[in-house]
Structures are given as structure tokens and as C-alpha cells.
Full PDB file with SEQRES, HELIX, SHEET, SSBOND, CRYST1, ORIGX, SCALE, CONECT and MASTER records, all heavy atoms in Angstrom:
SEQRES   1 A   39  HIS ASP LYS GLU MET ALA LEU SER VAL LEU ALA ALA ALA          
SEQRES   2 A   39  GLY VAL ARG VAL SER GLU THR GLY GLN ALA PRO GLU GLY          
SEQRES   3 A   39  GLY LEU ALA TRP ASP HIS VAL MET ALA THR ALA GLN HIS          
HELIX    1 AA1 ASP A    2  ALA A   12  1                                  11    
HELIX    2 AA2 TRP A   30  GLN A   38  1                                   9    
SHEET    1 AA1 2 VAL A  17  SER A  18  0                                        
SHEET    2 AA1 2 LEU A  28  ALA A  29  1                                        
CRYST1    1.000    1.000    1.000  90.00  90.00  90.00 P 1           1          
ORIGX1      1.000000  0.000000  0.000000        0.00000                         
ORIGX2      0.000000  1.000000  0.000000        0.00000                         
ORIGX3      0.000000  0.000000  1.000000        0.00000                         
SCALE1      1.000000  0.000000  0.000000        0.00000                         
SCALE2      0.000000  1.000000  0.000000        0.00000                         
SCALE3      0.000000  0.000000  1.000000        0.00000                         
ATOM      1  N   HIS A   1      36.737  76.514 192.770  1.00  0.00           N  
ATOM      2  CA  HIS A   1      38.100  76.845 193.170  1.00  0.00           C  
ATOM      3  C   HIS A   1      38.838  75.603 193.655  1.00  0.00           C  
ATOM      4  O   HIS A   1      40.006  75.401 193.333  1.00  0.00           O  
ATOM      5  CB  HIS A   1      38.100  77.913 194.260  1.00  0.00           C  
ATOM      6  CG  HIS A   1      39.461  78.209 194.797  1.00  0.00           C  
ATOM      7  ND1 HIS A   1      39.985  77.544 195.875  1.00  0.00           N  
ATOM      8  CD2 HIS A   1      40.410  79.074 194.386  1.00  0.00           C  
ATOM      9  CE1 HIS A   1      41.205  77.986 196.108  1.00  0.00           C  
ATOM     10  NE2 HIS A   1      41.487  78.918 195.235  1.00  0.00           N  
ATOM     11  N   ASP A   2      38.159  74.765 194.432  1.00  0.00           N  
ATOM     12  CA  ASP A   2      38.780  73.544 194.948  1.00  0.00           C  
ATOM     13  C   ASP A   2      39.150  72.604 193.810  1.00  0.00           C  
ATOM     14  O   ASP A   2      40.226  72.004 193.810  1.00  0.00           O  
ATOM     15  CB  ASP A   2      37.850  72.826 195.926  1.00  0.00           C  
ATOM     16  CG  ASP A   2      37.582  73.638 197.177  1.00  0.00           C  
ATOM     17  OD1 ASP A   2      38.415  74.498 197.535  1.00  0.00           O  
ATOM     18  OD2 ASP A   2      36.528  73.407 197.797  1.00  0.00           O  
ATOM     19  N   LYS A   3      38.266  72.478 192.841  1.00  0.00           N  
ATOM     20  CA  LYS A   3      38.540  71.609 191.686  1.00  0.00           C  
ATOM     21  C   LYS A   3      39.737  72.139 190.903  1.00  0.00           C  
ATOM     22  O   LYS A   3      40.635  71.381 190.543  1.00  0.00           O  
ATOM     23  CB  LYS A   3      37.324  71.508 190.786  1.00  0.00           C  
ATOM     24  CG  LYS A   3      37.533  70.616 189.582  1.00  0.00           C  
ATOM     25  CD  LYS A   3      36.284  70.509 188.728  1.00  0.00           C  
ATOM     26  CE  LYS A   3      36.513  69.582 187.548  1.00  0.00           C  
ATOM     27  NZ  LYS A   3      35.309  69.458 186.722  1.00  0.00           N  
ATOM     28  N   GLU A   4      39.753  73.447 190.663  1.00  0.00           N  
ATOM     29  CA  GLU A   4      40.869  74.051 189.938  1.00  0.00           C  
ATOM     30  C   GLU A   4      42.182  73.842 190.685  1.00  0.00           C  
ATOM     31  O   GLU A   4      43.213  73.547 190.074  1.00  0.00           O  
ATOM     32  CB  GLU A   4      40.615  75.533 189.706  1.00  0.00           C  
ATOM     33  CG  GLU A   4      39.504  75.800 188.709  1.00  0.00           C  
ATOM     34  CD  GLU A   4      39.101  77.259 188.630  1.00  0.00           C  
ATOM     35  OE1 GLU A   4      39.622  78.088 189.412  1.00  0.00           O  
ATOM     36  OE2 GLU A   4      38.247  77.569 187.789  1.00  0.00           O  
ATOM     37  N   MET A   5      42.141  73.973 192.009  1.00  0.00           N  
ATOM     38  CA  MET A   5      43.338  73.764 192.831  1.00  0.00           C  
ATOM     39  C   MET A   5      43.808  72.318 192.720  1.00  0.00           C  
ATOM     40  O   MET A   5      44.999  72.055 192.530  1.00  0.00           O  
ATOM     41  CB  MET A   5      43.057  74.118 194.288  1.00  0.00           C  
ATOM     42  CG  MET A   5      44.234  73.841 195.215  1.00  0.00           C  
ATOM     43  SD  MET A   5      45.665  74.880 194.916  1.00  0.00           S  
ATOM     44  CE  MET A   5      45.115  76.379 195.675  1.00  0.00           C  
ATOM     45  N   ALA A   6      42.876  71.380 192.829  1.00  0.00           N  
ATOM     46  CA  ALA A   6      43.229  69.955 192.732  1.00  0.00           C  
ATOM     47  C   ALA A   6      43.831  69.646 191.366  1.00  0.00           C  
ATOM     48  O   ALA A   6      44.859  68.955 191.273  1.00  0.00           O  
ATOM     49  CB  ALA A   6      42.005  69.081 192.987  1.00  0.00           C  
ATOM     50  N   LEU A   7      43.222  70.152 190.309  1.00  0.00           N  
ATOM     51  CA  LEU A   7      43.747  69.910 188.965  1.00  0.00           C  
ATOM     52  C   LEU A   7      45.129  70.537 188.793  1.00  0.00           C  
ATOM     53  O   LEU A   7      46.015  69.940 188.166  1.00  0.00           O  
ATOM     54  CB  LEU A   7      42.775  70.452 187.912  1.00  0.00           C  
ATOM     55  CG  LEU A   7      41.463  69.686 187.781  1.00  0.00           C  
ATOM     56  CD1 LEU A   7      40.489  70.443 186.885  1.00  0.00           C  
ATOM     57  CD2 LEU A   7      41.705  68.267 187.259  1.00  0.00           C  
ATOM     58  N   SER A   8      45.335  71.709 189.369  1.00  0.00           N  
ATOM     59  CA  SER A   8      46.630  72.385 189.290  1.00  0.00           C  
ATOM     60  C   SER A   8      47.708  71.581 190.018  1.00  0.00           C  
ATOM     61  O   SER A   8      48.823  71.405 189.497  1.00  0.00           O  
ATOM     62  CB  SER A   8      46.519  73.793 189.882  1.00  0.00           C  
ATOM     63  OG  SER A   8      47.766  74.416 189.915  1.00  0.00           O  
ATOM     64  N   VAL A   9      47.393  71.099 191.210  1.00  0.00           N  
ATOM     65  CA  VAL A   9      48.360  70.312 191.983  1.00  0.00           C  
ATOM     66  C   VAL A   9      48.698  69.015 191.248  1.00  0.00           C  
ATOM     67  O   VAL A   9      49.867  68.627 191.152  1.00  0.00           O  
ATOM     68  CB  VAL A   9      47.810  70.013 193.399  1.00  0.00           C  
ATOM     69  CG1 VAL A   9      48.639  68.972 194.112  1.00  0.00           C  
ATOM     70  CG2 VAL A   9      47.740  71.292 194.213  1.00  0.00           C  
ATOM     71  N   LEU A  10      47.678  68.355 190.710  1.00  0.00           N  
ATOM     72  CA  LEU A  10      47.925  67.113 189.974  1.00  0.00           C  
ATOM     73  C   LEU A  10      48.752  67.376 188.716  1.00  0.00           C  
ATOM     74  O   LEU A  10      49.676  66.617 188.403  1.00  0.00           O  
ATOM     75  CB  LEU A  10      46.605  66.430 189.626  1.00  0.00           C  
ATOM     76  CG  LEU A  10      45.863  65.835 190.813  1.00  0.00           C  
ATOM     77  CD1 LEU A  10      44.432  65.479 190.442  1.00  0.00           C  
ATOM     78  CD2 LEU A  10      46.599  64.615 191.352  1.00  0.00           C  
ATOM     79  N   ALA A  11      48.447  68.447 188.009  1.00  0.00           N  
ATOM     80  CA  ALA A  11      49.213  68.787 186.805  1.00  0.00           C  
ATOM     81  C   ALA A  11      50.673  69.075 187.160  1.00  0.00           C  
ATOM     82  O   ALA A  11      51.591  68.634 186.455  1.00  0.00           O  
ATOM     83  CB  ALA A  11      48.585  69.985 186.099  1.00  0.00           C  
ATOM     84  N   ALA A  12      50.894  69.789 188.257  1.00  0.00           N  
ATOM     85  CA  ALA A  12      52.258  70.094 188.690  1.00  0.00           C  
ATOM     86  C   ALA A  12      53.022  68.829 189.039  1.00  0.00           C  
ATOM     87  O   ALA A  12      54.245  68.776 188.897  1.00  0.00           O  
ATOM     88  CB  ALA A  12      52.234  71.049 189.886  1.00  0.00           C  
ATOM     89  N   ALA A  13      52.292  67.803 189.472  1.00  0.00           N  
ATOM     90  CA  ALA A  13      52.921  66.520 189.801  1.00  0.00           C  
ATOM     91  C   ALA A  13      53.050  65.623 188.567  1.00  0.00           C  
ATOM     92  O   ALA A  13      53.516  64.488 188.668  1.00  0.00           O  
ATOM     93  CB  ALA A  13      52.111  65.806 190.884  1.00  0.00           C  
ATOM     94  N   GLY A  14      52.620  66.141 187.418  1.00  0.00           N  
ATOM     95  CA  GLY A  14      52.742  65.376 186.180  1.00  0.00           C  
ATOM     96  C   GLY A  14      51.623  64.375 185.955  1.00  0.00           C  
ATOM     97  O   GLY A  14      51.755  63.488 185.115  1.00  0.00           O  
ATOM     98  N   VAL A  15      50.520  64.533 186.674  1.00  0.00           N  
ATOM     99  CA  VAL A  15      49.388  63.621 186.526  1.00  0.00           C  
ATOM    100  C   VAL A  15      48.380  64.243 185.569  1.00  0.00           C  
ATOM    101  O   VAL A  15      47.905  65.351 185.791  1.00  0.00           O  
ATOM    102  CB  VAL A  15      48.707  63.343 187.891  1.00  0.00           C  
ATOM    103  CG1 VAL A  15      47.507  62.432 187.718  1.00  0.00           C  
ATOM    104  CG2 VAL A  15      49.709  62.755 188.864  1.00  0.00           C  
ATOM    105  N   ARG A  16      48.077  63.517 184.512  1.00  0.00           N  
ATOM    106  CA  ARG A  16      47.079  63.993 183.563  1.00  0.00           C  
ATOM    107  C   ARG A  16      45.709  63.544 184.035  1.00  0.00           C  
ATOM    108  O   ARG A  16      45.526  62.396 184.417  1.00  0.00           O  
ATOM    109  CB  ARG A  16      47.365  63.466 182.161  1.00  0.00           C  
ATOM    110  CG  ARG A  16      48.671  64.000 181.602  1.00  0.00           C  
ATOM    111  CD  ARG A  16      48.946  63.565 180.188  1.00  0.00           C  
ATOM    112  NE  ARG A  16      48.628  62.159 179.988  1.00  0.00           N  
ATOM    113  CZ  ARG A  16      48.189  61.645 178.841  1.00  0.00           C  
ATOM    114  NH1 ARG A  16      48.004  62.421 177.802  1.00  0.00           N  
ATOM    115  NH2 ARG A  16      47.943  60.364 178.739  1.00  0.00           N  
ATOM    116  N   VAL A  17      44.744  64.461 184.000  1.00  0.00           N  
ATOM    117  CA  VAL A  17      43.393  64.163 184.470  1.00  0.00           C  
ATOM    118  C   VAL A  17      42.388  64.560 183.397  1.00  0.00           C  
ATOM    119  O   VAL A  17      42.442  65.658 182.856  1.00  0.00           O  
ATOM    120  CB  VAL A  17      43.074  64.933 185.773  1.00  0.00           C  
ATOM    121  CG1 VAL A  17      41.651  64.647 186.235  1.00  0.00           C  
ATOM    122  CG2 VAL A  17      44.069  64.574 186.870  1.00  0.00           C  
ATOM    123  N   SER A  18      41.473  63.640 183.125  1.00  0.00           N  
ATOM    124  CA  SER A  18      40.360  63.930 182.236  1.00  0.00           C  
ATOM    125  C   SER A  18      39.192  64.384 183.104  1.00  0.00           C  
ATOM    126  O   SER A  18      38.783  63.673 184.013  1.00  0.00           O  
ATOM    127  CB  SER A  18      39.960  62.681 181.448  1.00  0.00           C  
ATOM    128  OG  SER A  18      38.738  62.892 180.790  1.00  0.00           O  
ATOM    129  N   GLU A  19      38.659  65.570 182.823  1.00  0.00           N  
ATOM    130  CA  GLU A  19      37.546  66.072 183.623  1.00  0.00           C  
ATOM    131  C   GLU A  19      36.232  65.381 183.265  1.00  0.00           C  
ATOM    132  O   GLU A  19      35.305  65.373 184.067  1.00  0.00           O  
ATOM    133  CB  GLU A  19      37.413  67.578 183.454  1.00  0.00           C  
ATOM    134  CG  GLU A  19      38.589  68.329 184.049  1.00  0.00           C  
ATOM    135  CD  GLU A  19      38.399  69.822 183.990  1.00  0.00           C  
ATOM    136  OE1 GLU A  19      37.377  70.296 184.524  1.00  0.00           O  
ATOM    137  OE2 GLU A  19      39.264  70.492 183.411  1.00  0.00           O  
ATOM    138  N   THR A  20      36.147  64.830 182.085  1.00  0.00           N  
ATOM    139  CA  THR A  20      34.960  64.084 181.661  1.00  0.00           C  
ATOM    140  C   THR A  20      35.400  62.829 180.933  1.00  0.00           C  
ATOM    141  O   THR A  20      36.448  62.790 180.300  1.00  0.00           O  
ATOM    142  CB  THR A  20      34.069  64.919 180.723  1.00  0.00           C  
ATOM    143  OG1 THR A  20      34.836  65.284 179.574  1.00  0.00           O  
ATOM    144  CG2 THR A  20      33.548  66.153 181.411  1.00  0.00           C  
ATOM    145  N   GLY A  21      34.618  61.783 181.069  1.00  0.00           N  
ATOM    146  CA  GLY A  21      34.907  60.555 180.339  1.00  0.00           C  
ATOM    147  C   GLY A  21      36.029  59.734 180.941  1.00  0.00           C  
ATOM    148  O   GLY A  21      36.366  59.866 182.121  1.00  0.00           O  
ATOM    149  N   GLN A  22      36.595  58.920 180.083  1.00  0.00           N  
ATOM    150  CA  GLN A  22      37.639  57.995 180.525  1.00  0.00           C  
ATOM    151  C   GLN A  22      38.950  58.706 180.799  1.00  0.00           C  
ATOM    152  O   GLN A  22      39.218  59.780 180.281  1.00  0.00           O  
ATOM    153  CB  GLN A  22      37.864  56.916 179.472  1.00  0.00           C  
ATOM    154  CG  GLN A  22      36.694  55.980 179.300  1.00  0.00           C  
ATOM    155  CD  GLN A  22      37.015  54.878 178.312  1.00  0.00           C  
ATOM    156  OE1 GLN A  22      37.797  55.063 177.390  1.00  0.00           O  
ATOM    157  NE2 GLN A  22      36.402  53.722 178.519  1.00  0.00           N  
ATOM    158  N   ALA A  23      39.766  58.048 181.606  1.00  0.00           N  
ATOM    159  CA  ALA A  23      41.087  58.578 181.939  1.00  0.00           C  
ATOM    160  C   ALA A  23      41.991  58.547 180.712  1.00  0.00           C  
ATOM    161  O   ALA A  23      41.923  57.621 179.908  1.00  0.00           O  
ATOM    162  CB  ALA A  23      41.709  57.755 183.057  1.00  0.00           C  
ATOM    163  N   PRO A  24      42.835  59.556 180.569  1.00  0.00           N  
ATOM    164  CA  PRO A  24      43.821  59.530 179.494  1.00  0.00           C  
ATOM    165  C   PRO A  24      44.859  58.432 179.775  1.00  0.00           C  
ATOM    166  O   PRO A  24      45.005  57.986 180.920  1.00  0.00           O  
ATOM    167  CB  PRO A  24      44.458  60.914 179.543  1.00  0.00           C  
ATOM    168  CG  PRO A  24      44.218  61.405 180.926  1.00  0.00           C  
ATOM    169  CD  PRO A  24      42.959  60.750 181.394  1.00  0.00           C  
ATOM    170  N   GLU A  25      45.551  58.023 178.779  1.00  0.00           N  
ATOM    171  CA  GLU A  25      46.587  56.997 178.925  1.00  0.00           C  
ATOM    172  C   GLU A  25      47.562  57.414 180.024  1.00  0.00           C  
ATOM    173  O   GLU A  25      48.155  58.483 179.979  1.00  0.00           O  
ATOM    174  CB  GLU A  25      47.348  56.825 177.608  1.00  0.00           C  
ATOM    175  CG  GLU A  25      48.374  55.727 177.631  1.00  0.00           C  
ATOM    176  CD  GLU A  25      47.769  54.334 177.672  1.00  0.00           C  
ATOM    177  OE1 GLU A  25      46.672  54.149 177.119  1.00  0.00           O  
ATOM    178  OE2 GLU A  25      48.404  53.439 178.263  1.00  0.00           O  
ATOM    179  N   GLY A  26      47.680  56.570 181.049  1.00  0.00           N  
ATOM    180  CA  GLY A  26      48.592  56.841 182.153  1.00  0.00           C  
ATOM    181  C   GLY A  26      48.094  57.902 183.126  1.00  0.00           C  
ATOM    182  O   GLY A  26      48.831  58.318 184.015  1.00  0.00           O  
ATOM    183  N   GLY A  27      46.852  58.336 182.976  1.00  0.00           N  
ATOM    184  CA  GLY A  27      46.317  59.395 183.840  1.00  0.00           C  
ATOM    185  C   GLY A  27      45.116  58.922 184.639  1.00  0.00           C  
ATOM    186  O   GLY A  27      44.898  57.727 184.831  1.00  0.00           O  
ATOM    187  N   LEU A  28      44.341  59.879 185.092  1.00  0.00           N  
ATOM    188  CA  LEU A  28      43.181  59.600 185.939  1.00  0.00           C  
ATOM    189  C   LEU A  28      41.940  60.293 185.405  1.00  0.00           C  
ATOM    190  O   LEU A  28      42.032  61.367 184.817  1.00  0.00           O  
ATOM    191  CB  LEU A  28      43.432  60.115 187.364  1.00  0.00           C  
ATOM    192  CG  LEU A  28      44.621  59.539 188.121  1.00  0.00           C  
ATOM    193  CD1 LEU A  28      44.863  60.349 189.392  1.00  0.00           C  
ATOM    194  CD2 LEU A  28      44.366  58.083 188.450  1.00  0.00           C  
ATOM    195  N   ALA A  29      40.798  59.697 185.657  1.00  0.00           N  
ATOM    196  CA  ALA A  29      39.524  60.351 185.382  1.00  0.00           C  
ATOM    197  C   ALA A  29      39.133  61.155 186.622  1.00  0.00           C  
ATOM    198  O   ALA A  29      39.416  60.753 187.758  1.00  0.00           O  
ATOM    199  CB  ALA A  29      38.451  59.309 185.064  1.00  0.00           C  
ATOM    200  N   TRP A  30      38.481  62.317 186.409  1.00  0.00           N  
ATOM    201  CA  TRP A  30      38.107  63.180 187.516  1.00  0.00           C  
ATOM    202  C   TRP A  30      37.242  62.451 188.539  1.00  0.00           C  
ATOM    203  O   TRP A  30      37.411  62.641 189.737  1.00  0.00           O  
ATOM    204  CB  TRP A  30      37.398  64.430 187.007  1.00  0.00           C  
ATOM    205  CG  TRP A  30      36.987  65.328 188.129  1.00  0.00           C  
ATOM    206  CD1 TRP A  30      35.717  65.621 188.526  1.00  0.00           C  
ATOM    207  CD2 TRP A  30      37.847  66.020 189.036  1.00  0.00           C  
ATOM    208  NE1 TRP A  30      35.728  66.456 189.612  1.00  0.00           N  
ATOM    209  CE2 TRP A  30      37.035  66.721 189.935  1.00  0.00           C  
ATOM    210  CE3 TRP A  30      39.228  66.121 189.175  1.00  0.00           C  
ATOM    211  CZ2 TRP A  30      37.552  67.507 190.965  1.00  0.00           C  
ATOM    212  CZ3 TRP A  30      39.749  66.905 190.200  1.00  0.00           C  
ATOM    213  CH2 TRP A  30      38.915  67.582 191.079  1.00  0.00           C  
ATOM    214  N   ASP A  31      36.335  61.590 188.099  1.00  0.00           N  
ATOM    215  CA  ASP A  31      35.488  60.880 189.065  1.00  0.00           C  
ATOM    216  C   ASP A  31      36.317  59.968 189.967  1.00  0.00           C  
ATOM    217  O   ASP A  31      36.006  59.794 191.148  1.00  0.00           O  
ATOM    218  CB  ASP A  31      34.345  60.129 188.395  1.00  0.00           C  
ATOM    219  CG  ASP A  31      34.791  59.075 187.401  1.00  0.00           C  
ATOM    220  OD1 ASP A  31      35.964  59.078 186.981  1.00  0.00           O  
ATOM    221  OD2 ASP A  31      33.945  58.235 187.030  1.00  0.00           O  
ATOM    222  N   HIS A  32      37.413  59.427 189.455  1.00  0.00           N  
ATOM    223  CA  HIS A  32      38.309  58.610 190.283  1.00  0.00           C  
ATOM    224  C   HIS A  32      39.041  59.495 191.298  1.00  0.00           C  
ATOM    225  O   HIS A  32      39.192  59.119 192.459  1.00  0.00           O  
ATOM    226  CB  HIS A  32      39.320  57.866 189.410  1.00  0.00           C  
ATOM    227  CG  HIS A  32      40.317  57.088 190.198  1.00  0.00           C  
ATOM    228  ND1 HIS A  32      40.009  55.886 190.787  1.00  0.00           N  
ATOM    229  CD2 HIS A  32      41.605  57.357 190.522  1.00  0.00           C  
ATOM    230  CE1 HIS A  32      41.078  55.441 191.443  1.00  0.00           C  
ATOM    231  NE2 HIS A  32      42.062  56.319 191.290  1.00  0.00           N  
ATOM    232  N   VAL A  33      39.483  60.666 190.861  1.00  0.00           N  
ATOM    233  CA  VAL A  33      40.147  61.609 191.769  1.00  0.00           C  
ATOM    234  C   VAL A  33      39.199  61.981 192.905  1.00  0.00           C  
ATOM    235  O   VAL A  33      39.575  61.955 194.084  1.00  0.00           O  
ATOM    236  CB  VAL A  33      40.608  62.878 191.011  1.00  0.00           C  
ATOM    237  CG1 VAL A  33      41.126  63.944 191.971  1.00  0.00           C  
ATOM    238  CG2 VAL A  33      41.664  62.531 189.968  1.00  0.00           C  
ATOM    239  N   MET A  34      37.952  62.298 192.576  1.00  0.00           N  
ATOM    240  CA  MET A  34      36.959  62.682 193.588  1.00  0.00           C  
ATOM    241  C   MET A  34      36.668  61.524 194.554  1.00  0.00           C  
ATOM    242  O   MET A  34      36.582  61.730 195.763  1.00  0.00           O  
ATOM    243  CB  MET A  34      35.661  63.125 192.914  1.00  0.00           C  
ATOM    244  CG  MET A  34      35.765  64.484 192.273  1.00  0.00           C  
ATOM    245  SD  MET A  34      36.018  65.802 193.489  1.00  0.00           S  
ATOM    246  CE  MET A  34      34.543  65.647 194.453  1.00  0.00           C  
ATOM    247  N   ALA A  35      36.517  60.318 194.027  1.00  0.00           N  
ATOM    248  CA  ALA A  35      36.232  59.162 194.883  1.00  0.00           C  
ATOM    249  C   ALA A  35      37.397  58.889 195.832  1.00  0.00           C  
ATOM    250  O   ALA A  35      37.184  58.598 197.015  1.00  0.00           O  
ATOM    251  CB  ALA A  35      35.934  57.932 194.025  1.00  0.00           C  
ATOM    252  N   THR A  36      38.617  59.011 195.337  1.00  0.00           N  
ATOM    253  CA  THR A  36      39.798  58.802 196.173  1.00  0.00           C  
ATOM    254  C   THR A  36      39.882  59.869 197.258  1.00  0.00           C  
ATOM    255  O   THR A  36      40.150  59.562 198.426  1.00  0.00           O  
ATOM    256  CB  THR A  36      41.075  58.813 195.311  1.00  0.00           C  
ATOM    257  OG1 THR A  36      40.981  57.771 194.342  1.00  0.00           O  
ATOM    258  CG2 THR A  36      42.320  58.608 196.156  1.00  0.00           C  
ATOM    259  N   ALA A  37      39.639  61.111 196.892  1.00  0.00           N  
ATOM    260  CA  ALA A  37      39.673  62.204 197.871  1.00  0.00           C  
ATOM    261  C   ALA A  37      38.611  61.987 198.946  1.00  0.00           C  
ATOM    262  O   ALA A  37      38.888  62.150 200.142  1.00  0.00           O  
ATOM    263  CB  ALA A  37      39.463  63.543 197.170  1.00  0.00           C  
ATOM    264  N   GLN A  38      37.404  61.605 198.539  1.00  0.00           N  
ATOM    265  CA  GLN A  38      36.332  61.391 199.509  1.00  0.00           C  
ATOM    266  C   GLN A  38      36.678  60.247 200.456  1.00  0.00           C  
ATOM    267  O   GLN A  38      36.453  60.339 201.667  1.00  0.00           O  
ATOM    268  CB  GLN A  38      35.007  61.092 198.803  1.00  0.00           C  
ATOM    269  CG  GLN A  38      33.838  60.999 199.760  1.00  0.00           C  
ATOM    270  CD  GLN A  38      33.581  62.308 200.487  1.00  0.00           C  
ATOM    271  OE1 GLN A  38      33.423  63.349 199.866  1.00  0.00           O  
ATOM    272  NE2 GLN A  38      33.549  62.266 201.806  1.00  0.00           N  
ATOM    273  N   HIS A  39      37.255  59.198 199.928  1.00  0.00           N  
ATOM    274  CA  HIS A  39      37.657  58.057 200.757  1.00  0.00           C  
ATOM    275  C   HIS A  39      38.696  58.490 201.791  1.00  0.00           C  
ATOM    276  O   HIS A  39      38.613  58.123 202.966  1.00  0.00           O  
ATOM    277  CB  HIS A  39      38.205  56.930 199.885  1.00  0.00           C  
ATOM    278  CG  HIS A  39      38.788  55.802 200.652  1.00  0.00           C  
ATOM    279  ND1 HIS A  39      38.023  54.881 201.330  1.00  0.00           N  
ATOM    280  CD2 HIS A  39      40.074  55.462 200.880  1.00  0.00           C  
ATOM    281  CE1 HIS A  39      38.812  54.021 201.938  1.00  0.00           C  
ATOM    282  NE2 HIS A  39      40.073  54.351 201.681  1.00  0.00           N  
TER     283      HIS A  39                                                      
MASTER        0    0    0    2    2    0    0    6  282    1    0    3          
END                                                                             
């Protein structure tokens, strides 16, 4: 649920997130989102 919420908030802000692999052009990879949140 937390992951879905985070992805929803990021999508609403216009941020594209790849849940696996490399970040999409101009977006973020999920592991980067998680590392930033943990920090």
C-alpha cells in the first residue's frame, strides 16, 4: 500500500518511475526513490 501510494503521488506530480531496472528518461528508478525516502 505504501509503495502504491508513493507511486501515485509521484505520478500526480508528473514524475515517471521505473519499478524495476533503470530510470526512464527524465524519471527515477524505484531503488533511488526508496534510498531517498530512507535518507
